[in-house]
Amino acid sequence: MNAQTIEAQPAAPRTAEQRKARGLIGVIRRYPVLSFVIAACLFGWLPYIAAFAGLGSNPGNLPLGPVAAALVVTACQGREELRAWGRRLRQWRAAPKWYLLAILAPVVVHTVNVLVNHLLGAPLPTSEQLAAWPGVLASTVVLVVLIGFGEEAGWMAFAAPILLRRHGFLAAWVLAAAMRILWHLPLMIAGDLPWVIGIVGNAAFTMVMLQVFTASGGRWTLVAVWHAVLNAVGSGFFFQMVTGEDNARLGYLLAAAYTVVATAVYVGRRRAAVR
């Protein structure tokens, strides 16, 4: 059979699966953010879905869900978009002052909260409890991969640039905060994450992180480090030192602290932009 014969042959009809796949990719291309949110929840909630089906127990959100969702959605956008996202993931270089802020700010916030909690009746950490601080360093390294990269490569490296490009800052913040809150919903329903932290804390944290993201020229890795340190020092360290009402109050203080910081940073940057 020669080349002319090959060219003259009609293309084989597409199967139903191929037409469906093509249609699905088309939807993902038209609605990348919505597709990302759905995929992030699907991947992130897999342990809950498995537990509901009778497979396993004590489920929790899968932290690599957002990055897996971002990979799938970006791949459907085409090679250029996939390469652009890949380049963004490799952009870890930033001024030392930014990484210093990302490391120290969460530590300061938690330390102040512990002191305020003590003034409100909670015991101070004992020397024996504080002596376990080297474990925070190891936890931070692990969480930079699981939480920092796993979540923020999706929330910040993928979704944030699209939202900021398509909407104003406040609208982008509302949408970005809603994504995080929705993704954490199973943890709140299961009682593993206090509702005040899951809703108020996530909304305020998103505001602060978007401010850091825009002020640093889109360095999503700062958010990844900040998020990892926040969890390692908070839920992995200070929150383990108190129980009951003292522990719950510490959660309220954390949400309040980020609300104050978010408001102050937003107002401060707005005033600076007007001048």
Protein backbone atom coordinates (compact mmCIF):
# COMPACT_ATOMS: atom_id res chain seq x y z
CA MET A 1 0.00 0.00 0.00
CA ASN A 2 1.53 3.35 -1.06
CA ALA A 3 1.38 6.74 0.65
CA GLN A 4 -1.41 8.02 -1.62
CA THR A 5 -3.58 5.08 -0.66
CA ILE A 6 -2.95 5.73 3.01
CA GLU A 7 -3.88 9.42 2.66
CA ALA A 8 -7.03 8.53 0.75
CA GLN A 9 -8.34 6.31 3.49
CA PRO A 10 -10.95 7.98 5.72
CA ALA A 11 -10.11 8.41 9.37
CA ALA A 12 -11.48 5.75 11.65
CA PRO A 13 -14.59 6.91 13.50
CA ARG A 14 -13.95 7.99 17.07
CA THR A 15 -15.25 5.76 19.80
CA ALA A 16 -17.73 7.02 22.37
CA GLU A 17 -14.94 7.04 24.98
CA GLN A 18 -12.74 9.19 22.73
CA ARG A 19 -15.55 11.66 22.06
CA LYS A 20 -16.33 11.82 25.76
CA ALA A 21 -12.67 12.36 26.67
CA ARG A 22 -12.35 15.11 24.12
CA GLY A 23 -15.49 16.77 25.45
CA LEU A 24 -14.24 16.54 29.03
CA ILE A 25 -10.92 18.11 28.08
CA GLY A 26 -12.81 20.88 26.35
CA VAL A 27 -14.78 21.61 29.52
CA ILE A 28 -11.60 21.61 31.60
CA ARG A 29 -9.98 24.05 29.18
CA ARG A 30 -12.95 26.41 29.36
CA TYR A 31 -13.31 26.21 33.13
CA PRO A 32 -9.82 25.54 34.53
CA VAL A 33 -10.40 26.93 38.02
CA LEU A 34 -13.71 25.14 38.56
CA SER A 35 -12.20 21.94 37.19
CA PHE A 36 -9.25 22.35 39.52
CA VAL A 37 -11.46 22.79 42.58
CA ILE A 38 -13.53 19.71 41.74
CA ALA A 39 -10.42 17.60 41.08
CA ALA A 40 -8.64 18.90 44.20
CA CYS A 41 -11.63 17.91 46.35
CA LEU A 42 -11.96 14.55 44.61
CA PHE A 43 -8.28 13.70 45.12
CA GLY A 44 -8.09 15.29 48.56
CA TRP A 45 -11.18 13.51 49.84
CA LEU A 46 -10.18 10.06 48.56
CA PRO A 47 -9.48 8.73 52.10
CA TYR A 48 -12.99 9.77 53.15
CA ILE A 49 -14.51 8.24 50.05
CA ALA A 50 -12.61 5.02 50.73
CA ALA A 51 -13.70 5.00 54.38
CA PHE A 52 -17.32 5.56 53.33
CA ALA A 53 -16.99 2.51 51.08
CA GLY A 54 -15.72 0.49 54.03
CA LEU A 55 -12.04 0.65 53.12
CA GLY A 56 -9.96 1.98 56.00
CA SER A 57 -10.77 4.15 58.99
CA ASN A 58 -9.70 7.46 60.57
CA PRO A 59 -9.48 9.26 57.22
CA GLY A 60 -7.96 12.68 56.62
CA ASN A 61 -7.52 14.99 53.68
CA LEU A 62 -4.85 13.87 51.21
CA PRO A 63 -2.44 16.85 51.14
CA LEU A 64 -1.16 16.03 47.65
CA GLY A 65 -4.67 16.41 46.24
CA PRO A 66 -4.32 20.05 45.07
CA VAL A 67 -1.02 19.50 43.24
CA ALA A 68 -2.41 16.36 41.56
CA ALA A 69 -5.47 18.34 40.48
CA ALA A 70 -3.30 21.18 39.16
CA LEU A 71 -1.22 18.69 37.17
CA VAL A 72 -4.29 17.12 35.54
CA VAL A 73 -5.95 20.44 34.71
CA THR A 74 -2.75 22.04 33.43
CA ALA A 75 -1.95 19.02 31.26
CA CYS A 76 -5.38 19.40 29.65
CA GLN A 77 -4.57 23.03 28.79
CA GLY A 78 -1.71 22.03 26.51
CA ARG A 79 2.06 21.72 26.51
CA GLU A 80 2.79 25.43 26.76
CA GLU A 81 0.65 25.85 29.87
CA LEU A 82 2.16 22.72 31.40
CA ARG A 83 5.67 24.03 30.77
CA ALA A 84 4.77 27.44 32.22
CA TRP A 85 3.40 25.84 35.39
CA GLY A 86 6.50 23.65 35.62
CA ARG A 87 8.74 26.71 35.36
CA ARG A 88 6.73 28.39 38.10
CA LEU A 89 7.18 25.38 40.36
CA ARG A 90 10.94 25.63 39.96
CA GLN A 91 11.08 29.30 40.94
CA TRP A 92 12.31 28.96 44.51
CA ARG A 93 14.69 31.92 44.38
CA ALA A 94 13.61 34.92 46.45
CA ALA A 95 15.28 37.56 48.58
CA PRO A 96 16.41 36.14 51.97
CA LYS A 97 14.17 38.62 53.79
CA TRP A 98 11.10 36.94 52.30
CA TYR A 99 12.07 33.47 53.51
CA LEU A 100 13.02 34.92 56.89
CA LEU A 101 9.52 36.37 57.09
CA ALA A 102 7.95 33.08 56.00
CA ILE A 103 9.79 31.22 58.76
CA LEU A 104 9.63 33.69 61.64
CA ALA A 105 6.14 35.16 61.21
CA PRO A 106 4.27 31.90 61.99
CA VAL A 107 6.56 31.29 64.98
CA VAL A 108 5.89 34.78 66.35
CA VAL A 109 2.13 34.46 65.84
CA HIS A 110 1.99 31.13 67.68
CA THR A 111 4.24 32.36 70.50
CA VAL A 112 2.11 35.46 71.06
CA ASN A 113 -1.03 33.31 71.02
CA VAL A 114 0.41 30.99 73.67
CA LEU A 115 1.20 33.97 75.91
CA VAL A 116 -2.25 35.49 75.43
CA ASN A 117 -3.80 32.08 76.09
CA HIS A 118 -1.88 31.93 79.35
CA LEU A 119 -3.25 35.33 80.38
CA LEU A 120 -6.70 33.89 79.77
CA GLY A 121 -6.08 30.92 82.05
CA ALA A 122 -4.11 28.31 80.08
CA PRO A 123 -0.88 26.88 81.57
CA LEU A 124 2.42 27.87 80.06
CA PRO A 125 4.39 25.13 78.25
CA THR A 126 6.68 23.23 80.59
CA SER A 127 10.42 23.03 80.03
CA GLU A 128 9.99 19.35 79.20
CA GLN A 129 7.42 20.16 76.51
CA LEU A 130 9.58 22.91 75.03
CA ALA A 131 12.58 20.57 74.97
CA ALA A 132 10.89 18.69 72.14
CA TRP A 133 11.37 21.66 69.79
CA PRO A 134 13.96 19.88 67.54
CA GLY A 135 11.10 17.72 66.33
CA VAL A 136 9.56 20.85 64.81
CA LEU A 137 12.50 21.12 62.43
CA ALA A 138 11.99 17.59 61.14
CA SER A 139 8.24 18.14 60.88
CA THR A 140 8.78 21.33 58.91
CA VAL A 141 10.92 19.55 56.31
CA VAL A 142 8.26 16.86 55.85
CA LEU A 143 5.43 19.39 55.73
CA VAL A 144 7.20 21.54 53.14
CA VAL A 145 6.80 18.56 50.81
CA LEU A 146 3.36 17.32 51.89
CA ILE A 147 1.60 20.56 52.81
CA GLY A 148 3.77 23.22 51.22
CA PHE A 149 4.25 21.62 47.83
CA GLY A 150 1.22 19.33 47.95
CA GLU A 151 -1.27 22.13 48.57
CA GLU A 152 0.36 25.41 47.54
CA ALA A 153 1.56 24.16 44.15
CA GLY A 154 -2.17 24.02 43.48
CA TRP A 155 -3.67 26.91 45.46
CA MET A 156 -0.90 29.42 44.79
CA ALA A 157 1.22 28.25 41.85
CA PHE A 158 -1.82 27.31 39.74
CA ALA A 159 -5.06 28.94 40.90
CA ALA A 160 -3.88 32.27 42.36
CA PRO A 161 -2.32 33.65 39.13
CA ILE A 162 -5.51 32.86 37.18
CA LEU A 163 -7.77 34.44 39.78
CA LEU A 164 -5.64 37.56 40.12
CA ARG A 165 -5.45 37.93 36.34
CA ARG A 166 -9.21 37.56 35.83
CA HIS A 167 -10.53 39.40 38.89
CA GLY A 168 -9.67 42.22 41.25
CA PHE A 169 -7.73 41.41 44.40
CA LEU A 170 -10.74 41.19 46.73
CA ALA A 171 -12.72 38.97 44.34
CA ALA A 172 -9.66 36.75 43.87
CA TRP A 173 -9.32 36.50 47.64
CA VAL A 174 -12.99 35.53 48.12
CA LEU A 175 -12.72 32.79 45.51
CA ALA A 176 -9.33 31.52 46.75
CA ALA A 177 -10.56 31.46 50.35
CA ALA A 178 -13.72 29.60 49.33
CA MET A 179 -11.57 26.94 47.65
CA ARG A 180 -9.50 26.32 50.76
CA ILE A 181 -12.52 26.27 53.05
CA LEU A 182 -14.40 23.83 50.83
CA TRP A 183 -11.37 21.53 50.57
CA HIS A 184 -11.07 21.43 54.39
CA LEU A 185 -14.80 20.77 54.89
CA PRO A 186 -14.52 17.01 55.66
CA LEU A 187 -11.97 17.75 58.39
CA MET A 188 -14.37 20.23 59.98
CA ILE A 189 -17.33 17.87 59.75
CA ALA A 190 -15.26 15.05 61.28
CA GLY A 191 -14.19 17.33 64.15
CA ASP A 192 -10.49 17.13 63.28
CA LEU A 193 -10.35 20.84 62.42
CA PRO A 194 -12.23 23.47 64.47
CA TRP A 195 -14.79 25.33 62.40
CA VAL A 196 -13.40 28.71 63.39
CA ILE A 197 -9.96 27.78 62.05
CA GLY A 198 -11.40 26.03 59.03
CA ILE A 199 -13.50 29.03 57.98
CA VAL A 200 -12.20 32.24 59.58
CA GLY A 201 -8.62 31.03 59.84
CA ASN A 202 -8.45 29.84 56.25
CA ALA A 203 -10.05 33.02 54.93
CA ALA A 204 -7.64 35.26 56.86
CA PHE A 205 -4.65 33.07 56.02
CA THR A 206 -5.54 33.25 52.32
CA MET A 207 -5.66 37.05 52.49
CA VAL A 208 -2.21 37.22 54.08
CA MET A 209 -0.76 34.73 51.62
CA LEU A 210 -2.15 36.53 48.58
CA GLN A 211 -0.57 39.72 49.90
CA VAL A 212 2.76 37.95 50.30
CA PHE A 213 2.37 36.37 46.86
CA THR A 214 1.72 39.65 45.07
CA ALA A 215 4.24 41.71 47.04
CA SER A 216 7.02 39.18 46.35
CA GLY A 217 6.37 39.08 42.63
CA GLY A 218 4.51 35.77 42.60
CA ARG A 219 6.85 33.66 44.75
CA TRP A 220 4.49 30.83 45.67
CA THR A 221 7.27 29.01 47.51
CA LEU A 222 7.13 31.59 50.30
CA VAL A 223 3.56 30.50 50.95
CA ALA A 224 4.65 26.85 50.88
CA VAL A 225 7.28 27.46 53.58
CA TRP A 226 4.97 29.69 55.64
CA HIS A 227 2.21 27.06 55.56
CA ALA A 228 4.59 24.27 56.56
CA VAL A 229 6.05 26.24 59.49
CA LEU A 230 2.55 27.31 60.59
CA ASN A 231 1.40 23.68 60.85
CA ALA A 232 4.62 22.32 62.33
CA VAL A 233 4.79 24.94 65.09
CA GLY A 234 1.03 25.05 65.68
CA SER A 235 -0.83 21.75 65.37
CA GLY A 236 2.39 19.77 65.61
CA PHE A 237 3.84 21.52 68.68
CA PHE A 238 2.04 24.21 70.72
CA PHE A 239 -1.45 22.78 70.19
CA GLN A 240 -0.24 19.47 71.65
CA MET A 241 0.61 21.13 74.96
CA VAL A 242 -2.94 22.04 76.00
CA THR A 243 -6.31 20.29 75.98
CA GLY A 244 -9.98 21.06 76.34
CA GLU A 245 -11.00 24.69 76.53
CA ASP A 246 -7.38 25.87 76.49
CA ASN A 247 -6.80 24.09 73.20
CA ALA A 248 -10.02 25.42 71.68
CA ARG A 249 -9.14 28.97 72.79
CA LEU A 250 -5.76 28.65 71.13
CA GLY A 251 -7.59 27.93 67.87
CA TYR A 252 -9.76 31.00 68.30
CA LEU A 253 -6.69 33.11 68.97
CA LEU A 254 -4.98 31.79 65.85
CA ALA A 255 -7.97 32.70 63.68
CA ALA A 256 -8.20 36.12 65.34
CA ALA A 257 -4.47 36.77 64.92
CA TYR A 258 -4.54 36.08 61.19
CA THR A 259 -7.68 38.19 60.83
CA VAL A 260 -5.90 41.13 62.44
CA VAL A 261 -2.75 40.60 60.39
CA ALA A 262 -4.74 40.21 57.17
CA THR A 263 -6.69 43.41 57.80
CA ALA A 264 -3.60 45.38 58.78
CA VAL A 265 -1.58 44.24 55.77
CA TYR A 266 -4.41 44.89 53.32
CA VAL A 267 -5.15 48.38 54.68
CA GLY A 268 -1.46 49.21 54.86
CA ARG A 269 -0.80 48.19 51.25
CA ARG A 270 -3.91 50.06 50.06
CA ARG A 271 -2.74 53.25 51.74
CA ALA A 272 0.76 52.84 50.34
CA ALA A 273 -0.66 52.40 46.83
CA VAL A 274 -2.70 55.62 47.14
CA ARG A 275 0.34 57.71 48.10
